[in-house]
Amino acid sequence: MLADIRYWENDATNKHYAIAHFNVWNAEMLMGVKDAAEEAKSPVIISFGTGFVGNTSFEDFSHMMVSMAQKATVPVITHWDHGRSMEIIHNAWTHGMNSLMRG
């Protein structure tokens, strides 16, 4: 399930647990992280960012991440890491990233 980071940060703080965060660079890593989170029955933050150089376009990879998150059996937060401009951050938001970092 595609999840809201604010809800899960509050839940983790109140219940004293951590949420794992993984940078992924290809479909194999993406599916591996999702599968591990499902096996652990744990929410997860999956991100990629400005340094992403994959076999596919940014837009296609974003859509793949969001689709995978929607189908997951655990909460998945999709995160854009280190957007260097507001244009890049807006593009990440437009393509489904639900957590964004500038810097």
C-alpha atoms as a PDB file:
ATOM      1  CA  MET A   1       0.000   0.000   0.000  1.00  0.00           C
ATOM      2  CA  LEU A   2       1.239   3.475  -0.855  1.00  0.00           C
ATOM      3  CA  ALA A   3       1.725   5.176   2.509  1.00  0.00           C
ATOM      4  CA  ASP A   4       1.960   8.667   4.009  1.00  0.00           C
ATOM      5  CA  ILE A   5       5.338   9.276   5.656  1.00  0.00           C
ATOM      6  CA  ARG A   6       3.871  11.630   8.281  1.00  0.00           C
ATOM      7  CA  TYR A   7       1.527   8.956   9.613  1.00  0.00           C
ATOM      8  CA  TRP A   8       4.255   6.303   9.785  1.00  0.00           C
ATOM      9  CA  GLU A   9       6.848   8.653  11.331  1.00  0.00           C
ATOM     10  CA  ASN A  10       4.375   9.457  14.107  1.00  0.00           C
ATOM     11  CA  ASP A  11       3.482   5.779  14.580  1.00  0.00           C
ATOM     12  CA  ALA A  12       7.157   4.779  14.751  1.00  0.00           C
ATOM     13  CA  THR A  13       7.918   7.555  17.233  1.00  0.00           C
ATOM     14  CA  ASN A  14       4.971   6.703  19.474  1.00  0.00           C
ATOM     15  CA  LYS A  15       5.608   2.942  19.382  1.00  0.00           C
ATOM     16  CA  HIS A  16       9.432   3.166  19.503  1.00  0.00           C
ATOM     17  CA  TYR A  17      10.445   1.414  16.290  1.00  0.00           C
ATOM     18  CA  ALA A  18      12.431   2.369  13.202  1.00  0.00           C
ATOM     19  CA  ILE A  19      11.404   2.359   9.555  1.00  0.00           C
ATOM     20  CA  ALA A  20      14.079   1.132   7.165  1.00  0.00           C
ATOM     21  CA  HIS A  21      15.006   3.401   4.252  1.00  0.00           C
ATOM     22  CA  PHE A  22      16.639   2.020   1.103  1.00  0.00           C
ATOM     23  CA  ASN A  23      17.941   3.726  -2.030  1.00  0.00           C
ATOM     24  CA  VAL A  24      17.213   1.643  -5.111  1.00  0.00           C
ATOM     25  CA  TRP A  25      18.741   1.970  -8.565  1.00  0.00           C
ATOM     26  CA  ASN A  26      16.979  -0.690 -10.625  1.00  0.00           C
ATOM     27  CA  ALA A  27      13.932  -2.956 -10.734  1.00  0.00           C
ATOM     28  CA  GLU A  28      15.743  -5.845  -9.063  1.00  0.00           C
ATOM     29  CA  MET A  29      16.660  -3.733  -6.033  1.00  0.00           C
ATOM     30  CA  LEU A  30      13.150  -2.292  -5.903  1.00  0.00           C
ATOM     31  CA  MET A  31      11.523  -5.718  -5.831  1.00  0.00           C
ATOM     32  CA  GLY A  32      14.093  -7.074  -3.369  1.00  0.00           C
ATOM     33  CA  VAL A  33      13.402  -4.292  -0.870  1.00  0.00           C
ATOM     34  CA  LYS A  34       9.635  -4.672  -1.278  1.00  0.00           C
ATOM     35  CA  ASP A  35       9.836  -8.449  -0.838  1.00  0.00           C
ATOM     36  CA  ALA A  36      12.007  -8.112   2.293  1.00  0.00           C
ATOM     37  CA  ALA A  37       9.610  -5.562   3.827  1.00  0.00           C
ATOM     38  CA  GLU A  38       6.669  -7.859   3.144  1.00  0.00           C
ATOM     39  CA  GLU A  39       8.499 -10.818   4.668  1.00  0.00           C
ATOM     40  CA  ALA A  40       9.280  -8.710   7.764  1.00  0.00           C
ATOM     41  CA  LYS A  41       5.722  -7.299   7.788  1.00  0.00           C
ATOM     42  CA  SER A  42       7.260  -3.863   8.184  1.00  0.00           C
ATOM     43  CA  PRO A  43       6.685  -0.448   6.623  1.00  0.00           C
ATOM     44  CA  VAL A  44       9.530   0.723   4.404  1.00  0.00           C
ATOM     45  CA  ILE A  45      10.794   3.879   2.715  1.00  0.00           C
ATOM     46  CA  ILE A  46      12.065   3.254  -0.812  1.00  0.00           C
ATOM     47  CA  SER A  47      13.859   6.081  -2.568  1.00  0.00           C
ATOM     48  CA  PHE A  48      15.865   7.135  -5.539  1.00  0.00           C
ATOM     49  CA  GLY A  49      17.193  10.526  -6.459  1.00  0.00           C
ATOM     50  CA  THR A  50      19.254  12.874  -8.527  1.00  0.00           C
ATOM     51  CA  GLY A  51      22.070  10.355  -8.965  1.00  0.00           C
ATOM     52  CA  PHE A  52      19.681   7.829 -10.528  1.00  0.00           C
ATOM     53  CA  VAL A  53      21.112   6.386 -13.718  1.00  0.00           C
ATOM     54  CA  GLY A  54      18.994   3.434 -14.697  1.00  0.00           C
ATOM     55  CA  ASN A  55      18.048   1.431 -17.738  1.00  0.00           C
ATOM     56  CA  THR A  56      14.789   3.347 -17.991  1.00  0.00           C
ATOM     57  CA  SER A  57      13.568   6.924 -17.768  1.00  0.00           C
ATOM     58  CA  PHE A  58      12.914   8.742 -14.510  1.00  0.00           C
ATOM     59  CA  GLU A  59       9.205   8.836 -15.341  1.00  0.00           C
ATOM     60  CA  ASP A  60       8.961   5.103 -16.050  1.00  0.00           C
ATOM     61  CA  PHE A  61      10.913   4.171 -12.916  1.00  0.00           C
ATOM     62  CA  SER A  62       8.724   6.486 -10.804  1.00  0.00           C
ATOM     63  CA  HIS A  63       5.584   4.854 -12.153  1.00  0.00           C
ATOM     64  CA  MET A  64       7.053   1.407 -11.496  1.00  0.00           C
ATOM     65  CA  MET A  65       7.828   2.397  -7.872  1.00  0.00           C
ATOM     66  CA  VAL A  66       4.343   3.785  -7.275  1.00  0.00           C
ATOM     67  CA  SER A  67       2.657   0.774  -8.880  1.00  0.00           C
ATOM     68  CA  MET A  68       4.738  -1.606  -6.767  1.00  0.00           C
ATOM     69  CA  ALA A  69       3.937   0.390  -3.622  1.00  0.00           C
ATOM     70  CA  GLN A  70       0.205   0.302  -4.343  1.00  0.00           C
ATOM     71  CA  LYS A  71       0.299  -3.496  -4.711  1.00  0.00           C
ATOM     72  CA  ALA A  72       2.493  -4.161  -1.650  1.00  0.00           C
ATOM     73  CA  THR A  73       0.992  -5.805   1.425  1.00  0.00           C
ATOM     74  CA  VAL A  74       2.890  -3.432   3.745  1.00  0.00           C
ATOM     75  CA  PRO A  75       3.054   0.381   3.868  1.00  0.00           C
ATOM     76  CA  VAL A  76       5.547   1.716   1.305  1.00  0.00           C
ATOM     77  CA  ILE A  77       6.652   5.346   1.246  1.00  0.00           C
ATOM     78  CA  THR A  78       8.094   6.440  -2.118  1.00  0.00           C
ATOM     79  CA  HIS A  79      10.805   9.054  -1.565  1.00  0.00           C
ATOM     80  CA  TRP A  80      12.697  11.363  -3.925  1.00  0.00           C
ATOM     81  CA  ASP A  81      16.145  11.938  -2.409  1.00  0.00           C
ATOM     82  CA  HIS A  82      18.110  15.183  -2.761  1.00  0.00           C
ATOM     83  CA  GLY A  83      16.168  17.166  -5.346  1.00  0.00           C
ATOM     84  CA  ARG A  84      18.515  19.954  -6.363  1.00  0.00           C
ATOM     85  CA  SER A  85      15.855  22.329  -7.638  1.00  0.00           C
ATOM     86  CA  MET A  86      12.172  23.009  -7.165  1.00  0.00           C
ATOM     87  CA  GLU A  87      11.617  21.944 -10.785  1.00  0.00           C
ATOM     88  CA  ILE A  88      13.085  18.497 -10.071  1.00  0.00           C
ATOM     89  CA  ILE A  89      11.083  18.198  -6.849  1.00  0.00           C
ATOM     90  CA  HIS A  90       7.880  19.202  -8.633  1.00  0.00           C
ATOM     91  CA  ASN A  91       8.598  16.610 -11.333  1.00  0.00           C
ATOM     92  CA  ALA A  92       9.081  13.925  -8.657  1.00  0.00           C
ATOM     93  CA  TRP A  93       5.784  14.913  -6.991  1.00  0.00           C
ATOM     94  CA  THR A  94       3.990  14.912 -10.345  1.00  0.00           C
ATOM     95  CA  HIS A  95       5.227  11.374 -10.998  1.00  0.00           C
ATOM     96  CA  GLY A  96       4.008   9.973  -7.677  1.00  0.00           C
ATOM     97  CA  MET A  97       6.783  10.356  -5.128  1.00  0.00           C
ATOM     98  CA  ASN A  98       4.984  11.020  -1.838  1.00  0.00           C
ATOM     99  CA  SER A  99       8.034  12.072   0.180  1.00  0.00           C
ATOM    100  CA  LEU A 100      10.452  14.689  -1.132  1.00  0.00           C
ATOM    101  CA  MET A 101      13.828  16.026   0.012  1.00  0.00           C
ATOM    102  CA  ARG A 102      15.535  19.122  -1.253  1.00  0.00           C
ATOM    103  CA  GLY A 103      19.269  19.455  -1.012  1.00  0.00           C
END
